C-alpha cells in the first residue's frame, strides 16, 4: 500500500502543479477586471487549492506509512512542513481575497497562488523534478 501511495503522490503532483499554474494565469488575466471575486468566479483558485489539499493529505499518508521522519532531514521535515506552509498561505490569501470584495481581489488571489506555488517549488525534492 505504501508504494501505491507514493506512486499516486508522484503522479498527482503534476496535476497539482498544472492546476496551480492555471489558477495563476486565470488570476493575473482577470487582475484588471472590476467584477467582484465571489464563489463562482473563484472556482479556479478553489479547485487548485483543493488539488493541493489532496496532495498534502496523500503526502501525509506517505509520510506516516513510510516512517519518513527517519529519512534525511529534507524528506523528513523540510518537504512536509513546506507543503503544509504552502497550503496555509494559499488558503489564507485566496480566502481573504474572496471575502474582500475589492477590485484587486483577482490579483491578490493570484499572488496567493503564486506564493503557494513558490513554496511548493522550493520544497519539492530535486530528484522529483525529473
N, C-alpha and C. Protein backbone atom coordinates (compact mmCIF):
# COMPACT_ATOMS: atom_id res chain seq x y z
N UNK A 1 0.82 -1.20 0.00
CA UNK A 1 0.00 0.00 0.00
C UNK A 1 0.86 1.26 0.00
N UNK A 2 1.97 1.21 0.73
CA UNK A 2 2.84 2.38 0.80
C UNK A 2 3.39 2.75 -0.57
N UNK A 3 3.75 1.75 -1.37
CA UNK A 3 4.27 2.03 -2.71
C UNK A 3 3.20 2.61 -3.61
N UNK A 4 1.97 2.15 -3.46
CA UNK A 4 0.86 2.70 -4.25
C UNK A 4 0.63 4.17 -3.90
N UNK A 5 0.71 4.50 -2.61
CA UNK A 5 0.55 5.89 -2.20
C UNK A 5 1.65 6.78 -2.77
N UNK A 6 2.86 6.29 -2.77
CA UNK A 6 3.97 7.05 -3.33
C UNK A 6 3.75 7.28 -4.83
N UNK A 7 3.28 6.26 -5.53
CA UNK A 7 3.01 6.38 -6.96
C UNK A 7 1.91 7.41 -7.22
N UNK A 8 0.84 7.33 -6.46
CA UNK A 8 -0.26 8.30 -6.61
C UNK A 8 0.24 9.71 -6.30
N UNK A 9 1.02 9.84 -5.23
CA UNK A 9 1.59 11.14 -4.84
C UNK A 9 2.48 11.69 -5.96
N UNK A 10 3.25 10.83 -6.59
CA UNK A 10 4.14 11.26 -7.67
C UNK A 10 3.38 11.68 -8.92
N UNK A 11 2.34 10.97 -9.25
CA UNK A 11 1.54 11.31 -10.44
C UNK A 11 0.69 12.56 -10.19
N UNK A 12 0.06 12.62 -9.04
CA UNK A 12 -0.85 13.71 -8.71
C UNK A 12 -0.11 15.06 -8.66
N UNK A 13 1.17 15.04 -8.32
CA UNK A 13 1.92 16.30 -8.20
C UNK A 13 1.88 17.11 -9.49
N UNK A 14 1.93 16.41 -10.64
CA UNK A 14 1.92 17.12 -11.91
C UNK A 14 0.57 17.79 -12.15
N UNK A 15 -0.50 17.13 -11.75
CA UNK A 15 -1.83 17.73 -11.88
C UNK A 15 -1.97 18.93 -10.95
N UNK A 16 -1.40 18.82 -9.76
CA UNK A 16 -1.44 19.94 -8.81
C UNK A 16 -0.67 21.13 -9.37
N UNK A 17 0.52 20.89 -9.87
CA UNK A 17 1.30 21.98 -10.46
C UNK A 17 0.57 22.62 -11.63
N UNK A 18 -0.04 21.80 -12.47
CA UNK A 18 -0.83 22.33 -13.60
C UNK A 18 -2.00 23.16 -13.08
N UNK A 19 -2.71 22.65 -12.08
CA UNK A 19 -3.84 23.37 -11.50
C UNK A 19 -3.42 24.72 -10.91
N UNK A 20 -2.28 24.74 -10.23
CA UNK A 20 -1.80 26.00 -9.66
C UNK A 20 -1.41 26.99 -10.75
N UNK A 21 -0.78 26.51 -11.81
CA UNK A 21 -0.40 27.39 -12.91
C UNK A 21 -1.65 27.93 -13.62
N UNK A 22 -2.64 27.09 -13.83
CA UNK A 22 -3.89 27.54 -14.46
C UNK A 22 -4.56 28.62 -13.61
N UNK A 23 -4.62 28.39 -12.30
CA UNK A 23 -5.22 29.38 -11.40
C UNK A 23 -4.42 30.68 -11.39
N UNK A 24 -3.11 30.56 -11.46
CA UNK A 24 -2.25 31.74 -11.50
C UNK A 24 -2.51 32.56 -12.76
N UNK A 25 -2.55 31.90 -13.90
CA UNK A 25 -2.82 32.59 -15.17
C UNK A 25 -4.21 33.22 -15.15
N UNK A 26 -5.18 32.47 -14.64
CA UNK A 26 -6.55 32.99 -14.53
C UNK A 26 -6.58 34.25 -13.68
N UNK A 27 -5.93 34.21 -12.54
CA UNK A 27 -5.95 35.36 -11.64
C UNK A 27 -5.31 36.59 -12.24
N UNK A 28 -4.15 36.42 -12.83
CA UNK A 28 -3.48 37.57 -13.42
C UNK A 28 -4.18 38.05 -14.69
N UNK A 29 -4.81 37.15 -15.43
CA UNK A 29 -5.54 37.58 -16.63
C UNK A 29 -6.79 38.39 -16.28
N UNK A 30 -7.32 38.16 -15.08
CA UNK A 30 -8.51 38.89 -14.65
C UNK A 30 -8.17 40.00 -13.66
N UNK A 31 -6.90 40.32 -13.50
CA UNK A 31 -6.50 41.30 -12.50
C UNK A 31 -7.01 42.71 -12.79
N UNK A 32 -7.31 43.01 -14.03
CA UNK A 32 -7.87 44.33 -14.36
C UNK A 32 -9.39 44.31 -14.34
N UNK A 33 -9.98 43.17 -14.06
CA UNK A 33 -11.43 43.02 -14.01
C UNK A 33 -11.98 43.75 -12.79
N UNK A 34 -13.05 44.49 -12.97
CA UNK A 34 -13.66 45.20 -11.84
C UNK A 34 -14.80 44.42 -11.21
N UNK A 35 -15.16 43.29 -11.80
CA UNK A 35 -16.21 42.46 -11.22
C UNK A 35 -15.70 41.85 -9.92
N UNK A 36 -16.57 41.67 -8.95
CA UNK A 36 -16.11 41.11 -7.67
C UNK A 36 -15.72 39.64 -7.79
N UNK A 37 -14.80 39.27 -6.95
CA UNK A 37 -14.41 37.87 -6.86
C UNK A 37 -15.34 37.22 -5.86
N UNK A 38 -16.17 36.30 -6.34
CA UNK A 38 -17.10 35.61 -5.44
C UNK A 38 -16.89 34.11 -5.60
N UNK A 39 -17.75 33.32 -4.98
CA UNK A 39 -17.56 31.87 -5.00
C UNK A 39 -17.55 31.30 -6.41
N UNK A 40 -18.38 31.83 -7.29
CA UNK A 40 -18.43 31.27 -8.65
C UNK A 40 -17.22 31.67 -9.48
N UNK A 41 -16.73 32.89 -9.33
CA UNK A 41 -15.58 33.31 -10.12
C UNK A 41 -14.26 32.87 -9.48
N UNK A 42 -14.31 32.40 -8.25
CA UNK A 42 -13.10 31.94 -7.57
C UNK A 42 -12.88 30.45 -7.76
N UNK A 43 -13.67 29.80 -8.58
CA UNK A 43 -13.56 28.34 -8.76
C UNK A 43 -12.17 27.86 -9.19
N UNK A 44 -11.50 28.52 -10.12
CA UNK A 44 -10.15 28.04 -10.47
C UNK A 44 -9.21 28.05 -9.26
N UNK A 45 -9.31 29.07 -8.43
CA UNK A 45 -8.49 29.12 -7.21
C UNK A 45 -8.89 28.00 -6.26
N UNK A 46 -10.18 27.82 -6.09
CA UNK A 46 -10.70 26.79 -5.18
C UNK A 46 -10.27 25.40 -5.64
N UNK A 47 -10.40 25.11 -6.92
CA UNK A 47 -10.03 23.79 -7.43
C UNK A 47 -8.52 23.55 -7.29
N UNK A 48 -7.72 24.56 -7.58
CA UNK A 48 -6.27 24.41 -7.44
C UNK A 48 -5.90 24.12 -5.99
N UNK A 49 -6.52 24.82 -5.06
CA UNK A 49 -6.22 24.59 -3.65
C UNK A 49 -6.78 23.25 -3.17
N UNK A 50 -7.90 22.83 -3.73
CA UNK A 50 -8.43 21.50 -3.38
C UNK A 50 -7.48 20.41 -3.86
N UNK A 51 -6.91 20.60 -5.04
CA UNK A 51 -5.95 19.63 -5.55
C UNK A 51 -4.72 19.59 -4.64
N UNK A 52 -4.29 20.75 -4.17
CA UNK A 52 -3.16 20.80 -3.24
C UNK A 52 -3.52 20.16 -1.91
N UNK A 53 -4.77 20.37 -1.45
CA UNK A 53 -5.25 19.71 -0.22
C UNK A 53 -5.10 18.19 -0.33
N UNK A 54 -5.56 17.65 -1.45
CA UNK A 54 -5.50 16.21 -1.67
C UNK A 54 -4.05 15.74 -1.71
N UNK A 55 -3.19 16.50 -2.39
CA UNK A 55 -1.78 16.12 -2.48
C UNK A 55 -1.12 16.11 -1.10
N UNK A 56 -1.43 17.11 -0.28
CA UNK A 56 -0.85 17.17 1.06
C UNK A 56 -1.37 16.01 1.90
N UNK A 57 -2.63 15.69 1.77
CA UNK A 57 -3.20 14.55 2.51
C UNK A 57 -2.51 13.25 2.10
N UNK A 58 -2.36 13.03 0.80
CA UNK A 58 -1.66 11.83 0.33
C UNK A 58 -0.22 11.84 0.84
N UNK A 59 0.42 13.01 0.78
CA UNK A 59 1.79 13.12 1.27
C UNK A 59 1.91 12.79 2.75
N UNK A 60 0.96 13.24 3.54
CA UNK A 60 0.98 12.91 4.97
C UNK A 60 0.80 11.41 5.20
N UNK A 61 -0.05 10.79 4.39
CA UNK A 61 -0.21 9.34 4.49
C UNK A 61 1.08 8.62 4.11
N UNK A 62 1.75 9.11 3.08
CA UNK A 62 3.04 8.55 2.69
C UNK A 62 4.04 8.73 3.82
N UNK A 63 4.06 9.92 4.40
CA UNK A 63 4.99 10.23 5.48
C UNK A 63 4.80 9.30 6.67
N UNK A 64 3.54 9.02 7.00
CA UNK A 64 3.23 8.14 8.14
C UNK A 64 3.54 6.68 7.81
N UNK A 65 3.07 6.21 6.65
CA UNK A 65 3.24 4.79 6.32
C UNK A 65 4.70 4.41 6.05
N UNK A 66 5.48 5.36 5.56
CA UNK A 66 6.89 5.08 5.27
C UNK A 66 7.82 5.50 6.40
N UNK A 67 7.25 5.97 7.50
CA UNK A 67 8.05 6.45 8.63
C UNK A 67 9.13 7.42 8.15
N UNK A 68 8.68 8.42 7.41
CA UNK A 68 9.60 9.34 6.74
C UNK A 68 10.42 10.18 7.72
N UNK A 69 10.01 10.29 8.95
CA UNK A 69 10.78 11.05 9.92
C UNK A 69 12.14 10.41 10.19
N UNK A 70 12.32 9.18 9.69
CA UNK A 70 13.61 8.50 9.82
C UNK A 70 14.51 8.74 8.61
N UNK A 71 14.02 9.45 7.59
CA UNK A 71 14.79 9.72 6.39
C UNK A 71 15.72 10.91 6.62
N UNK A 72 16.30 11.39 5.52
CA UNK A 72 17.14 12.58 5.63
C UNK A 72 16.27 13.78 6.01
N UNK A 73 16.91 14.83 6.47
CA UNK A 73 16.20 15.99 7.01
C UNK A 73 15.24 16.60 6.00
N UNK A 74 15.65 16.66 4.73
CA UNK A 74 14.79 17.29 3.73
C UNK A 74 13.47 16.55 3.59
N UNK A 75 13.52 15.25 3.35
CA UNK A 75 12.29 14.48 3.18
C UNK A 75 11.53 14.31 4.49
N UNK A 76 12.24 14.27 5.59
CA UNK A 76 11.59 14.05 6.87
C UNK A 76 10.85 15.29 7.37
N UNK A 77 11.42 16.47 7.14
CA UNK A 77 10.83 17.66 7.76
C UNK A 77 10.63 18.83 6.81
N UNK A 78 11.62 19.16 6.02
CA UNK A 78 11.51 20.37 5.19
C UNK A 78 10.39 20.23 4.16
N UNK A 79 10.35 19.10 3.46
CA UNK A 79 9.32 18.88 2.44
C UNK A 79 7.90 18.91 3.05
N UNK A 80 7.61 18.13 4.08
CA UNK A 80 6.23 18.17 4.61
C UNK A 80 5.86 19.51 5.24
N UNK A 81 6.77 20.11 5.97
CA UNK A 81 6.46 21.41 6.59
C UNK A 81 6.28 22.48 5.52
N UNK A 82 7.10 22.45 4.48
CA UNK A 82 6.96 23.40 3.38
C UNK A 82 5.62 23.26 2.67
N UNK A 83 5.20 22.03 2.45
CA UNK A 83 3.91 21.82 1.78
C UNK A 83 2.74 22.26 2.64
N UNK A 84 2.82 22.00 3.94
CA UNK A 84 1.77 22.49 4.84
C UNK A 84 1.75 24.02 4.87
N UNK A 85 2.92 24.62 4.83
CA UNK A 85 3.02 26.08 4.78
C UNK A 85 2.42 26.62 3.49
N UNK A 86 2.73 25.99 2.37
CA UNK A 86 2.17 26.41 1.08
C UNK A 86 0.66 26.32 1.09
N UNK A 87 0.15 25.25 1.66
CA UNK A 87 -1.30 25.07 1.76
C UNK A 87 -1.93 26.17 2.59
N UNK A 88 -1.34 26.46 3.74
CA UNK A 88 -1.87 27.50 4.61
C UNK A 88 -1.82 28.88 3.98
N UNK A 89 -0.70 29.21 3.35
CA UNK A 89 -0.54 30.51 2.70
C UNK A 89 -1.55 30.65 1.56
N UNK A 90 -1.67 29.63 0.74
CA UNK A 90 -2.61 29.68 -0.37
C UNK A 90 -4.04 29.87 0.10
N UNK A 91 -4.46 29.08 1.06
CA UNK A 91 -5.83 29.20 1.57
C UNK A 91 -6.07 30.55 2.23
N UNK A 92 -5.10 31.03 3.00
CA UNK A 92 -5.28 32.30 3.72
C UNK A 92 -5.42 33.47 2.76
N UNK A 93 -4.53 33.55 1.78
CA UNK A 93 -4.56 34.70 0.87
C UNK A 93 -5.74 34.64 -0.08
N UNK A 94 -6.01 33.47 -0.64
CA UNK A 94 -7.17 33.35 -1.55
C UNK A 94 -8.47 33.57 -0.78
N UNK A 95 -8.54 33.02 0.42
CA UNK A 95 -9.74 33.24 1.25
C UNK A 95 -9.97 34.70 1.57
N UNK A 96 -8.91 35.39 1.91
CA UNK A 96 -9.01 36.83 2.21
C UNK A 96 -9.42 37.60 0.96
N UNK A 97 -8.85 37.25 -0.18
CA UNK A 97 -9.20 37.94 -1.43
C UNK A 97 -10.66 37.71 -1.79
N UNK A 98 -11.13 36.49 -1.60
CA UNK A 98 -12.52 36.17 -1.96
C UNK A 98 -13.50 36.94 -1.08
N UNK A 99 -13.16 37.12 0.16
CA UNK A 99 -14.06 37.82 1.09
C UNK A 99 -13.93 39.33 1.05
N UNK A 100 -12.89 39.85 0.41
CA UNK A 100 -12.63 41.29 0.45
C UNK A 100 -13.62 42.11 -0.36
N UNK A 101 -14.05 41.59 -1.51
CA UNK A 101 -14.96 42.34 -2.37
C UNK A 101 -14.28 43.50 -3.08
N UNK A 102 -12.97 43.57 -3.03
CA UNK A 102 -12.23 44.66 -3.66
C UNK A 102 -12.01 44.37 -5.15
N UNK A 103 -11.71 45.42 -5.88
CA UNK A 103 -11.45 45.25 -7.31
C UNK A 103 -10.09 44.61 -7.55
N UNK A 104 -9.23 44.58 -6.55
CA UNK A 104 -7.91 43.95 -6.69
C UNK A 104 -7.91 42.50 -6.22
N UNK A 105 -9.08 41.95 -5.99
CA UNK A 105 -9.18 40.61 -5.41
C UNK A 105 -8.58 39.54 -6.31
N UNK A 106 -8.75 39.64 -7.61
CA UNK A 106 -8.18 38.64 -8.52
C UNK A 106 -6.66 38.64 -8.44
N UNK A 107 -6.09 39.84 -8.43
CA UNK A 107 -4.64 39.95 -8.35
C UNK A 107 -4.14 39.43 -7.00
N UNK A 108 -4.85 39.75 -5.93
CA UNK A 108 -4.47 39.26 -4.60
C UNK A 108 -4.52 37.74 -4.55
N UNK A 109 -5.59 37.16 -5.09
CA UNK A 109 -5.71 35.70 -5.12
C UNK A 109 -4.60 35.08 -5.97
N UNK A 110 -4.28 35.72 -7.08
CA UNK A 110 -3.20 35.22 -7.93
C UNK A 110 -1.87 35.25 -7.19
N UNK A 111 -1.64 36.30 -6.41
CA UNK A 111 -0.41 36.36 -5.63
C UNK A 111 -0.40 35.29 -4.54
N UNK A 112 -1.57 34.95 -4.01
CA UNK A 112 -1.66 33.85 -3.05
C UNK A 112 -1.29 32.53 -3.68
N UNK A 113 -1.78 32.30 -4.89
CA UNK A 113 -1.43 31.08 -5.62
C UNK A 113 0.05 31.09 -5.98
N UNK A 114 0.56 32.25 -6.37
CA UNK A 114 1.98 32.36 -6.70
C UNK A 114 2.86 32.06 -5.48
N UNK A 115 2.46 32.57 -4.33
CA UNK A 115 3.22 32.31 -3.09
C UNK A 115 3.19 30.81 -2.76
N UNK A 116 2.02 30.20 -2.88
CA UNK A 116 1.92 28.76 -2.62
C UNK A 116 2.76 27.98 -3.62
N UNK A 117 2.70 28.36 -4.88
CA UNK A 117 3.48 27.67 -5.92
C UNK A 117 4.98 27.82 -5.68
N UNK A 118 5.41 28.99 -5.25
CA UNK A 118 6.83 29.21 -4.97
C UNK A 118 7.30 28.34 -3.80
N UNK A 119 6.49 28.23 -2.77
CA UNK A 119 6.85 27.39 -1.62
C UNK A 119 6.88 25.92 -2.03
N UNK A 120 5.90 25.52 -2.82
CA UNK A 120 5.86 24.14 -3.31
C UNK A 120 7.12 23.85 -4.13
N UNK A 121 7.44 24.74 -5.07
CA UNK A 121 8.62 24.52 -5.92
C UNK A 121 9.91 24.47 -5.10
N UNK A 122 9.98 25.29 -4.06
CA UNK A 122 11.19 25.32 -3.24
C UNK A 122 11.36 24.08 -2.37
N UNK A 123 10.25 23.42 -2.07
CA UNK A 123 10.34 22.27 -1.15
C UNK A 123 10.09 20.92 -1.82
N UNK A 124 10.04 20.91 -3.14
CA UNK A 124 9.98 19.63 -3.86
C UNK A 124 11.40 19.11 -3.94
N UNK A 125 11.62 17.84 -3.62
CA UNK A 125 12.98 17.29 -3.74
C UNK A 125 13.51 17.41 -5.17
N UNK A 126 14.79 17.69 -5.30
CA UNK A 126 15.38 17.88 -6.64
C UNK A 126 15.18 16.68 -7.55
N UNK A 127 15.29 15.49 -7.01
CA UNK A 127 15.17 14.29 -7.86
C UNK A 127 13.72 14.06 -8.30
N UNK A 128 12.77 14.75 -7.73
CA UNK A 128 11.36 14.60 -8.12
C UNK A 128 10.99 15.43 -9.32
N UNK A 129 11.84 16.34 -9.73
CA UNK A 129 11.55 17.18 -10.88
C UNK A 129 11.69 16.45 -12.19
N UNK A 130 12.47 15.40 -12.22
CA UNK A 130 12.72 14.72 -13.49
C UNK A 130 12.41 13.27 -13.41
